[in-house]
Amino acid sequence: MTAQAFTERDYFTDPAVLLDPYGYFEEMRPRGPVCQLQTHDCLLVTGYEECLEVLRNPIDFSSLNSLASSAFPLPFKPEGSDISAQLEAHRDRYVGGNLVVTYDDERHNNVRYLVSRMFTPSRLKANEAFMRDYAGQLVGKVVAKGRCELVTEVATPYVTMVIADLLGVPPEDRVLFEQQIAQGQTVGSIENPDSPTDMSVLEFMGGHFARYLQARAENPGHDLLSELVTIAYPDGCRPDLIELISLAVFMFAAGQDTSAKLLGNSMRYIVDTPGLQQQLRDDRQLIPWMLEEVLRLEGSTKATHRVARRDTHIGNVKVPAGKAVIVALAAGNRDPRRWGEDASEFKLKRPGIREHIAFGRGAHTCAGAPLARAEVATILNSFFDLTSDIAISEATHGKRGARRYQFEPSFIIRGLDNLHLELQGR
């Protein structure tokens, strides 16, 4: 397919682009690391350094459209070279405008401060026992069967229950949460064109978290929700209940799809890369290296979005106030200028691998990144502990070299819809 053909395709809705974005990015790359889309009034950033430039510049680029996407037109006529006030005045018009991922300036800094108090090394350490025990239970069940569909049987319930335990969701409600998440739309899915970012699950969670937080305020415990109702912003002010509900919902929901997809993406590389599975079995210290390379090559988030608050630039490209920008993390992570000519190949122990941008960078770096890494490493260790071999089901996905994989049709999320495994126990 030619570059011209790709320019005529819609990044947000074309199934071929959504299911395999890398060909699209590579065909767009010769047009420059920052280029104008023909299908939408927005810029596409494919260069690694240029992605960093945007991500590290919250002064000039707002995150308000990060869930609504760059396809969402400005709900007002921009006036002047600085539209920061106009954006803020129309916050309620944007999907997720009340979530921390879309906040800017002091409001974002305040909430990030609260989040940083949540995902501490000591807190994650305390959660390790639950992760190991629950991972062992899930993996033990599917190994006993000799097979599984990884995404629905293992990955989704696992990440749901881990964050539920971390936050202190009552055991009797956890199955309800799991069911709601399983039924919800993937973020950025074209299967729900009228509302590309499904908010129904968040609304369901909001009602429950309101009740949990009110109960903790009256009778604090030792969980994250109890800590939320007692901590304050850096200036000493206390967040109101609505802000706390929003934050709790965000923390619960943010890592659901992405962590589950990371497990699926990792397992695909483990099994499909010749010799890799045995390397990891022989030396578990290589698992973190493998995870970082998978995050670079096949991170769960394809792109994030920004809108220019002021007249600015990216590299040598002028960007007027109001211009939407697609920050293509997946493209930046395969930029040959940064990663070399083998940028699209899996390479264990790649130099500088922690410099990838799969979790973003700057003020909006994913706060749950340490949890995601710990979750996936823990359950991969359980798979290696309880199996002697893991194989991709050839009946479902075909033979190695001619696999048939189905990915989520999302302009945000990159991950397998399903992954059928054959498991040989010890």
Protein backbone atom coordinates (compact mmCIF):
# COMPACT_ATOMS: atom_id res chain seq x y z
CA MET A 1 0.00 0.00 0.00
CA THR A 2 1.33 3.41 -0.91
CA ALA A 3 1.71 6.37 1.37
CA GLN A 4 -0.97 8.21 -0.61
CA ALA A 5 -3.42 5.40 0.02
CA PHE A 6 -2.76 5.59 3.72
CA THR A 7 -3.28 9.34 3.81
CA GLU A 8 -6.81 8.72 2.58
CA ARG A 9 -7.58 6.31 5.40
CA ASP A 10 -9.15 7.45 8.68
CA TYR A 11 -6.85 6.76 11.64
CA PHE A 12 -9.83 6.68 14.00
CA THR A 13 -12.25 4.45 12.09
CA ASP A 14 -10.52 2.44 9.36
CA PRO A 15 -10.44 -1.21 10.51
CA ALA A 16 -7.19 -1.98 8.69
CA VAL A 17 -5.41 0.87 10.48
CA LEU A 18 -6.95 0.10 13.87
CA LEU A 19 -6.10 -3.58 13.79
CA ASP A 20 -2.51 -3.06 12.65
CA PRO A 21 -1.33 0.55 13.04
CA TYR A 22 2.36 -0.03 12.44
CA GLY A 23 2.16 -0.13 8.65
CA TYR A 24 0.20 3.12 8.79
CA PHE A 25 2.80 4.79 10.98
CA GLU A 26 5.69 3.60 8.82
CA GLU A 27 4.04 4.88 5.65
CA MET A 28 3.34 8.22 7.31
CA ARG A 29 6.85 8.56 8.76
CA PRO A 30 8.49 9.81 5.51
CA ARG A 31 6.12 12.78 5.60
CA GLY A 32 8.06 13.95 8.65
CA PRO A 33 7.97 13.25 12.38
CA VAL A 34 5.10 15.75 12.63
CA CYS A 35 2.56 15.79 9.82
CA GLN A 36 -0.95 16.99 9.07
CA LEU A 37 -3.65 14.36 8.58
CA GLN A 38 -5.82 14.74 5.53
CA THR A 39 -8.84 13.11 7.15
CA HIS A 40 -8.97 15.27 10.30
CA ASP A 41 -7.79 18.71 11.35
CA CYS A 42 -5.01 17.43 13.58
CA LEU A 43 -1.32 16.64 13.59
CA LEU A 44 0.21 13.16 13.84
CA VAL A 45 3.49 12.90 15.76
CA THR A 46 5.50 9.76 14.92
CA GLY A 47 9.02 10.81 15.96
CA TYR A 48 10.38 9.75 19.35
CA GLU A 49 11.97 13.10 20.20
CA GLU A 50 8.92 14.99 18.96
CA CYS A 51 6.62 12.84 21.12
CA LEU A 52 8.79 13.67 24.13
CA GLU A 53 8.66 17.36 23.25
CA VAL A 54 4.84 17.36 23.42
CA LEU A 55 4.56 15.11 26.47
CA ARG A 56 7.00 17.24 28.46
CA ASN A 57 5.29 20.53 27.61
CA PRO A 58 2.01 20.84 29.57
CA ILE A 59 2.32 24.63 29.41
CA ASP A 60 1.60 24.69 25.68
CA PHE A 61 -0.36 21.44 25.30
CA SER A 62 -3.51 20.58 27.24
CA SER A 63 -4.53 17.01 28.06
CA LEU A 64 -8.22 17.88 28.01
CA ASN A 65 -8.84 15.84 24.83
CA SER A 66 -6.80 12.81 25.91
CA LEU A 67 -9.95 10.63 26.15
CA ALA A 68 -12.14 12.44 23.66
CA SER A 69 -9.28 12.13 21.11
CA SER A 70 -7.99 14.46 18.42
CA ALA A 71 -11.03 13.62 16.28
CA PHE A 72 -13.20 15.64 18.69
CA PRO A 73 -13.61 19.15 17.25
CA LEU A 74 -13.21 22.21 19.43
CA PRO A 75 -16.63 23.01 20.94
CA PHE A 76 -15.94 26.72 20.49
CA LYS A 77 -14.27 29.17 18.11
CA PRO A 78 -10.71 29.80 19.30
CA GLU A 79 -9.92 33.41 20.08
CA GLY A 80 -6.34 34.69 20.13
CA SER A 81 -2.99 32.99 20.58
CA ASP A 82 -3.81 31.53 24.03
CA ILE A 83 -7.07 29.59 24.48
CA SER A 84 -6.32 28.06 27.90
CA ALA A 85 -9.28 29.84 29.52
CA GLN A 86 -11.63 28.82 26.70
CA LEU A 87 -10.60 25.17 27.03
CA GLU A 88 -11.20 25.21 30.76
CA ALA A 89 -14.58 26.89 30.34
CA HIS A 90 -15.67 24.05 28.04
CA ARG A 91 -14.22 21.20 30.13
CA ASP A 92 -17.65 19.66 30.70
CA ARG A 93 -18.02 19.19 26.93
CA TYR A 94 -15.13 16.71 26.83
CA VAL A 95 -15.31 12.99 27.60
CA GLY A 96 -13.59 12.37 30.93
CA GLY A 97 -13.26 16.07 31.66
CA ASN A 98 -13.63 15.29 35.37
CA LEU A 99 -10.84 12.69 35.43
CA VAL A 100 -7.22 13.34 36.36
CA VAL A 101 -5.95 12.14 32.96
CA THR A 102 -7.50 15.27 31.39
CA TYR A 103 -6.51 17.81 34.05
CA ASP A 104 -4.02 20.61 33.53
CA ASP A 105 -1.95 22.93 35.72
CA GLU A 106 -2.51 23.16 39.48
CA ARG A 107 -5.57 20.92 39.46
CA HIS A 108 -3.56 18.15 37.86
CA ASN A 109 -0.58 18.70 40.15
CA ASN A 110 -2.80 18.46 43.23
CA VAL A 111 -4.45 15.21 42.18
CA ARG A 112 -1.16 13.68 41.01
CA TYR A 113 0.18 14.41 44.48
CA LEU A 114 -2.62 12.30 45.94
CA VAL A 115 -1.99 9.52 43.42
CA SER A 116 1.74 9.49 44.22
CA ARG A 117 0.81 8.83 47.83
CA MET A 118 -1.19 5.81 46.72
CA PHE A 119 1.20 3.87 44.48
CA THR A 120 4.20 3.81 46.79
CA PRO A 121 6.77 0.96 46.78
CA SER A 122 5.69 -0.03 50.29
CA ARG A 123 2.03 -0.16 49.27
CA LEU A 124 2.80 -2.33 46.24
CA LYS A 125 5.02 -4.55 48.40
CA ALA A 126 2.12 -5.13 50.78
CA ASN A 127 -0.04 -6.16 47.82
CA GLU A 128 2.47 -8.73 46.52
CA ALA A 129 1.15 -11.62 48.63
CA PHE A 130 -2.35 -11.21 47.20
CA MET A 131 -0.96 -10.97 43.65
CA ARG A 132 1.06 -14.17 44.06
CA ASP A 133 -1.77 -16.12 45.70
CA TYR A 134 -4.43 -15.05 43.24
CA ALA A 135 -2.14 -15.54 40.24
CA GLY A 136 -1.37 -19.05 41.47
CA GLN A 137 -5.08 -19.84 41.84
CA LEU A 138 -5.99 -18.62 38.34
CA VAL A 139 -3.04 -20.25 36.61
CA GLY A 140 -3.48 -23.48 38.56
CA LYS A 141 -7.09 -23.79 37.33
CA VAL A 142 -6.25 -23.34 33.64
CA VAL A 143 -3.15 -25.57 33.81
CA ALA A 144 -5.34 -28.32 35.24
CA LYS A 145 -7.49 -28.01 32.08
CA GLY A 146 -4.43 -27.96 29.85
CA ARG A 147 -5.60 -24.89 27.97
CA CYS A 148 -7.11 -21.44 28.35
CA GLU A 149 -8.18 -18.26 26.62
CA LEU A 150 -5.74 -15.95 28.34
CA VAL A 151 -7.54 -12.60 28.05
CA THR A 152 -10.94 -13.52 29.50
CA GLU A 153 -10.04 -16.45 31.76
CA VAL A 154 -6.88 -15.08 33.32
CA ALA A 155 -5.77 -11.53 32.43
CA THR A 156 -9.01 -9.60 32.96
CA PRO A 157 -10.10 -11.18 36.28
CA TYR A 158 -6.52 -11.03 37.56
CA VAL A 159 -5.94 -7.29 37.05
CA THR A 160 -9.45 -6.50 38.27
CA MET A 161 -9.00 -8.35 41.53
CA VAL A 162 -5.49 -6.99 42.14
CA ILE A 163 -6.59 -3.35 42.00
CA ALA A 164 -9.77 -4.21 43.94
CA ASP A 165 -7.65 -5.65 46.73
CA LEU A 166 -5.25 -2.71 46.64
CA LEU A 167 -8.09 -0.19 46.97
CA GLY A 168 -10.06 -2.18 49.51
CA VAL A 169 -13.16 -3.00 47.47
CA PRO A 170 -15.24 -5.37 49.63
CA PRO A 171 -14.94 -9.03 48.53
CA GLU A 172 -18.71 -9.29 48.00
CA ASP A 173 -18.59 -6.53 45.35
CA ARG A 174 -15.54 -7.67 43.42
CA VAL A 175 -17.39 -10.12 41.20
CA LEU A 176 -19.85 -7.35 40.26
CA PHE A 177 -16.95 -5.11 39.22
CA GLU A 178 -15.41 -7.93 37.22
CA GLN A 179 -18.70 -8.53 35.38
CA GLN A 180 -19.17 -4.85 34.56
CA ILE A 181 -15.63 -4.52 33.19
CA ALA A 182 -16.00 -7.68 31.11
CA GLN A 183 -19.18 -6.28 29.54
CA GLY A 184 -17.81 -2.77 28.88
CA GLN A 185 -16.46 -1.43 25.60
CA THR A 186 -12.74 -1.22 25.01
CA VAL A 187 -11.52 2.38 25.28
CA GLY A 188 -11.43 3.97 21.83
CA SER A 189 -13.37 1.13 20.22
CA ILE A 190 -15.12 1.75 16.88
CA GLU A 191 -17.74 -0.77 17.96
CA ASN A 192 -19.44 2.09 19.82
CA PRO A 193 -19.12 5.01 17.36
CA ASP A 194 -21.55 7.32 19.17
CA SER A 195 -19.44 7.17 22.34
CA PRO A 196 -15.93 5.99 21.45
CA THR A 197 -14.90 6.14 25.10
CA ASP A 198 -17.44 4.09 27.08
CA MET A 199 -18.28 5.80 30.39
CA SER A 200 -20.99 3.40 31.64
CA VAL A 201 -18.54 1.28 33.62
CA LEU A 202 -17.09 4.40 35.25
CA GLU A 203 -20.58 5.58 36.22
CA PHE A 204 -21.31 2.17 37.77
CA MET A 205 -18.09 2.30 39.77
CA GLY A 206 -18.75 5.88 40.87
CA GLY A 207 -21.88 4.92 42.80
CA HIS A 208 -20.05 2.14 44.64
CA PHE A 209 -16.98 4.23 45.43
CA ALA A 210 -19.15 7.03 46.81
CA ARG A 211 -20.55 4.53 49.30
CA TYR A 212 -17.10 3.09 50.15
CA LEU A 213 -15.55 6.50 50.73
CA GLN A 214 -18.40 7.69 52.94
CA ALA A 215 -18.02 4.51 55.01
CA ARG A 216 -14.24 5.03 55.31
CA ALA A 217 -14.73 8.63 56.40
CA GLU A 218 -16.86 7.36 59.29
CA ASN A 219 -14.72 4.32 60.07
CA PRO A 220 -11.21 4.42 58.48
CA GLY A 221 -9.32 1.17 57.86
CA HIS A 222 -5.86 0.42 56.49
CA ASP A 223 -6.60 0.41 52.75
CA LEU A 224 -6.06 2.99 50.02
CA LEU A 225 -9.60 4.33 50.21
CA SER A 226 -9.13 5.05 53.92
CA GLU A 227 -5.97 6.94 53.11
CA LEU A 228 -7.76 8.92 50.42
CA VAL A 229 -10.31 10.34 52.86
CA THR A 230 -7.60 11.49 55.26
CA ILE A 231 -4.92 13.08 53.06
CA ALA A 232 -4.77 16.65 51.78
CA TYR A 233 -3.37 18.57 48.83
CA PRO A 234 0.13 20.10 49.24
CA ASP A 235 -1.44 23.42 50.31
CA GLY A 236 -3.32 21.69 53.13
CA CYS A 237 -6.77 21.85 51.53
CA ARG A 238 -8.84 18.68 51.49
CA PRO A 239 -10.41 17.36 48.27
CA ASP A 240 -14.18 17.18 48.25
CA LEU A 241 -16.08 13.89 47.95
CA ILE A 242 -16.72 14.27 44.20
CA GLU A 243 -12.99 14.65 43.55
CA LEU A 244 -12.22 11.60 45.68
CA ILE A 245 -14.84 9.51 43.88
CA SER A 246 -13.42 10.57 40.52
CA LEU A 247 -9.90 9.70 41.62
CA ALA A 248 -10.87 6.30 43.05
CA VAL A 249 -12.77 5.41 39.88
CA PHE A 250 -9.85 6.50 37.72
CA MET A 251 -7.32 4.49 39.74
CA PHE A 252 -9.51 1.40 39.51
CA ALA A 253 -10.30 1.70 35.81
CA ALA A 254 -7.09 3.13 34.36
CA GLY A 255 -5.06 -0.03 34.41
CA GLN A 256 -7.74 -2.57 33.57
CA ASP A 257 -7.46 -2.86 29.80
CA THR A 258 -3.83 -1.81 29.58
CA SER A 259 -2.47 -4.30 32.14
CA ALA A 260 -4.58 -7.15 30.76
CA LYS A 261 -3.42 -6.37 27.23
CA LEU A 262 0.20 -6.18 28.38
CA LEU A 263 -0.06 -9.75 29.68
CA GLY A 264 -1.53 -10.92 26.38
CA ASN A 265 1.03 -9.05 24.30
CA SER A 266 3.86 -10.39 26.47
CA MET A 267 2.70 -13.98 26.26
CA ARG A 268 2.49 -13.76 22.48
CA TYR A 269 6.11 -12.64 22.25
CA ILE A 270 7.23 -15.23 24.82
CA VAL A 271 5.78 -18.10 22.83
CA ASP A 272 6.31 -16.81 19.29
CA THR A 273 9.92 -15.63 19.70
CA PRO A 274 12.21 -18.65 19.13
CA GLY A 275 14.08 -19.61 22.29
CA LEU A 276 12.64 -16.80 24.44
CA GLN A 277 10.36 -18.96 26.60
CA GLN A 278 13.25 -21.23 27.61
CA GLN A 279 15.53 -18.24 28.27
CA LEU A 280 12.98 -16.82 30.71
CA ARG A 281 12.41 -20.18 32.37
CA ASP A 282 16.14 -20.59 32.88
CA ASP A 283 16.70 -17.05 34.16
CA ARG A 284 13.69 -15.29 35.68
CA GLN A 285 15.80 -12.13 36.06
CA LEU A 286 15.26 -11.62 32.32
CA ILE A 287 11.49 -11.16 32.73
CA PRO A 288 11.75 -7.39 33.46
CA TRP A 289 13.94 -6.94 30.37
CA MET A 290 11.40 -8.82 28.27
CA LEU A 291 8.54 -6.71 29.61
CA GLU A 292 10.25 -3.44 28.74
CA GLU A 293 10.94 -4.56 25.19
CA VAL A 294 7.33 -5.71 24.77
CA LEU A 295 6.16 -2.35 26.14
CA ARG A 296 8.31 -0.65 23.52
CA LEU A 297 7.23 -2.86 20.62
CA GLU A 298 3.65 -3.55 21.60
CA GLY A 299 2.65 -1.18 24.38
CA SER A 300 -0.99 -1.29 25.42
CA THR A 301 -1.57 2.36 24.51
CA LYS A 302 -1.10 3.29 20.84
CA ALA A 303 -1.40 7.02 21.30
CA THR A 304 -2.44 9.82 23.58
CA HIS A 305 -3.89 13.16 22.56
CA ARG A 306 -3.25 16.82 23.23
CA VAL A 307 -4.63 20.16 22.11
CA ALA A 308 -2.47 23.26 21.76
CA ARG A 309 -3.31 25.85 24.41
CA ARG A 310 -1.12 28.48 22.83
CA ASP A 311 0.54 29.21 19.53
CA THR A 312 3.60 26.99 19.73
CA HIS A 313 5.69 24.51 17.74
CA ILE A 314 6.79 20.88 17.68
CA GLY A 315 10.30 20.71 16.28
CA ASN A 316 10.19 23.13 13.36
CA VAL A 317 6.45 22.71 12.76
CA LYS A 318 4.26 25.63 13.83
CA VAL A 319 1.20 24.65 15.86
CA PRO A 320 -1.60 27.21 16.27
CA ALA A 321 -3.69 27.40 19.43
CA GLY A 322 -6.59 24.95 19.19
CA LYS A 323 -4.79 22.43 17.00
CA ALA A 324 -5.28 18.82 18.12
CA VAL A 325 -2.26 16.51 18.23
CA ILE A 326 -2.05 12.71 18.11
CA VAL A 327 1.03 11.70 20.10
CA ALA A 328 1.66 8.27 18.57
CA LEU A 329 3.52 6.48 21.38
CA ALA A 330 3.60 3.27 19.34
CA ALA A 331 5.30 5.08 16.46
CA GLY A 332 7.81 6.89 18.68
CA ASN A 333 8.75 3.58 20.26
CA ARG A 334 9.65 2.22 16.82
CA ASP A 335 11.40 5.35 15.51
CA PRO A 336 14.63 4.17 13.80
CA ARG A 337 16.27 7.52 14.61
CA ARG A 338 16.13 6.54 18.29
CA TRP A 339 16.14 2.74 18.27
CA GLY A 340 18.20 1.90 15.17
CA GLU A 341 17.38 0.00 12.02
CA ASP A 342 16.13 -2.99 14.05
CA ALA A 343 13.55 -0.78 15.80
CA SER A 344 10.69 -3.08 14.75
CA GLU A 345 12.39 -6.25 15.98
CA PHE A 346 12.33 -7.86 19.44
CA LYS A 347 15.72 -7.60 21.13
CA LEU A 348 16.18 -8.80 24.71
CA LYS A 349 18.36 -6.46 26.79
CA ARG A 350 18.08 -3.63 24.27
CA PRO A 351 20.30 -0.70 25.40
CA GLY A 352 18.36 2.19 26.93
CA ILE A 353 15.13 0.22 26.94
CA ARG A 354 13.66 2.04 29.96
CA GLU A 355 13.61 5.19 27.83
CA HIS A 356 10.58 3.95 25.88
CA ILE A 357 7.40 6.01 26.12
CA ALA A 358 4.80 3.26 26.49
CA PHE A 359 3.70 4.81 29.79
CA GLY A 360 3.98 8.36 28.46
CA ARG A 361 6.41 10.87 29.90
CA GLY A 362 6.30 14.14 31.80
CA ALA A 363 3.50 15.30 34.09
CA HIS A 364 1.05 12.68 32.83
CA THR A 365 3.36 9.67 33.05
CA CYS A 366 1.21 6.68 34.01
CA ALA A 367 1.17 6.55 37.82
CA GLY A 368 0.22 2.88 37.73
CA ALA A 369 3.27 1.78 35.70
CA PRO A 370 5.00 0.12 38.70
CA LEU A 371 1.80 -1.81 39.46
CA ALA A 372 1.42 -2.94 35.84
CA ARG A 373 4.98 -4.21 35.74
CA ALA A 374 4.58 -6.04 39.07
CA GLU A 375 1.23 -7.58 38.06
CA VAL A 376 2.47 -9.03 34.79
CA ALA A 377 5.83 -10.22 36.13
CA THR A 378 4.07 -11.98 39.03
CA ILE A 379 1.61 -13.91 36.91
CA LEU A 380 4.24 -14.81 34.31
CA ASN A 381 6.27 -16.34 37.12
CA SER A 382 3.19 -18.36 38.11
CA PHE A 383 2.87 -19.67 34.55
CA PHE A 384 6.52 -20.71 34.53
CA ASP A 385 6.25 -22.27 38.00
CA LEU A 386 3.24 -24.41 37.09
CA THR A 387 3.99 -25.37 33.47
CA SER A 388 6.77 -27.09 31.58
CA ASP A 389 5.66 -25.62 28.25
CA ILE A 390 3.27 -22.99 26.92
CA ALA A 391 2.14 -23.06 23.29
CA ILE A 392 -0.16 -21.00 21.11
CA SER A 393 -3.19 -23.00 19.98
CA GLU A 394 -2.54 -23.77 16.32
CA ALA A 395 -6.17 -24.80 15.87
CA THR A 396 -7.24 -21.25 16.71
CA HIS A 397 -4.32 -19.06 15.67
CA GLY A 398 -2.48 -21.10 13.03
CA LYS A 399 1.14 -22.22 12.90
CA ARG A 400 4.11 -20.05 13.89
CA GLY A 401 4.98 -17.75 11.00
CA ALA A 402 1.38 -17.73 9.81
CA ARG A 403 -0.51 -16.81 12.96
CA ARG A 404 -4.04 -15.42 12.93
CA TYR A 405 -4.49 -12.92 15.74
CA GLN A 406 -7.47 -10.66 16.38
CA PHE A 407 -6.67 -7.31 17.97
CA GLU A 408 -9.07 -4.88 19.61
CA PRO A 409 -10.44 -2.39 17.03
CA SER A 410 -9.45 0.66 19.09
CA PHE A 411 -7.62 3.86 18.22
CA ILE A 412 -6.22 4.00 21.78
CA ILE A 413 -5.68 0.43 23.04
CA ARG A 414 -3.34 -2.09 21.42
CA GLY A 415 -3.95 -5.63 22.53
CA LEU A 416 -5.28 -9.02 21.60
CA ASP A 417 -8.99 -9.70 21.71
CA ASN A 418 -8.18 -13.28 22.60
CA LEU A 419 -5.17 -15.59 22.95
CA HIS A 420 -5.72 -19.34 23.15
CA LEU A 421 -2.96 -21.27 24.86
CA GLU A 422 -2.11 -24.93 25.33
CA LEU A 423 -0.51 -25.60 28.71
CA GLN A 424 1.63 -28.54 29.74
CA GLY A 425 1.79 -28.94 33.50
CA ARG A 426 4.81 -30.05 35.46
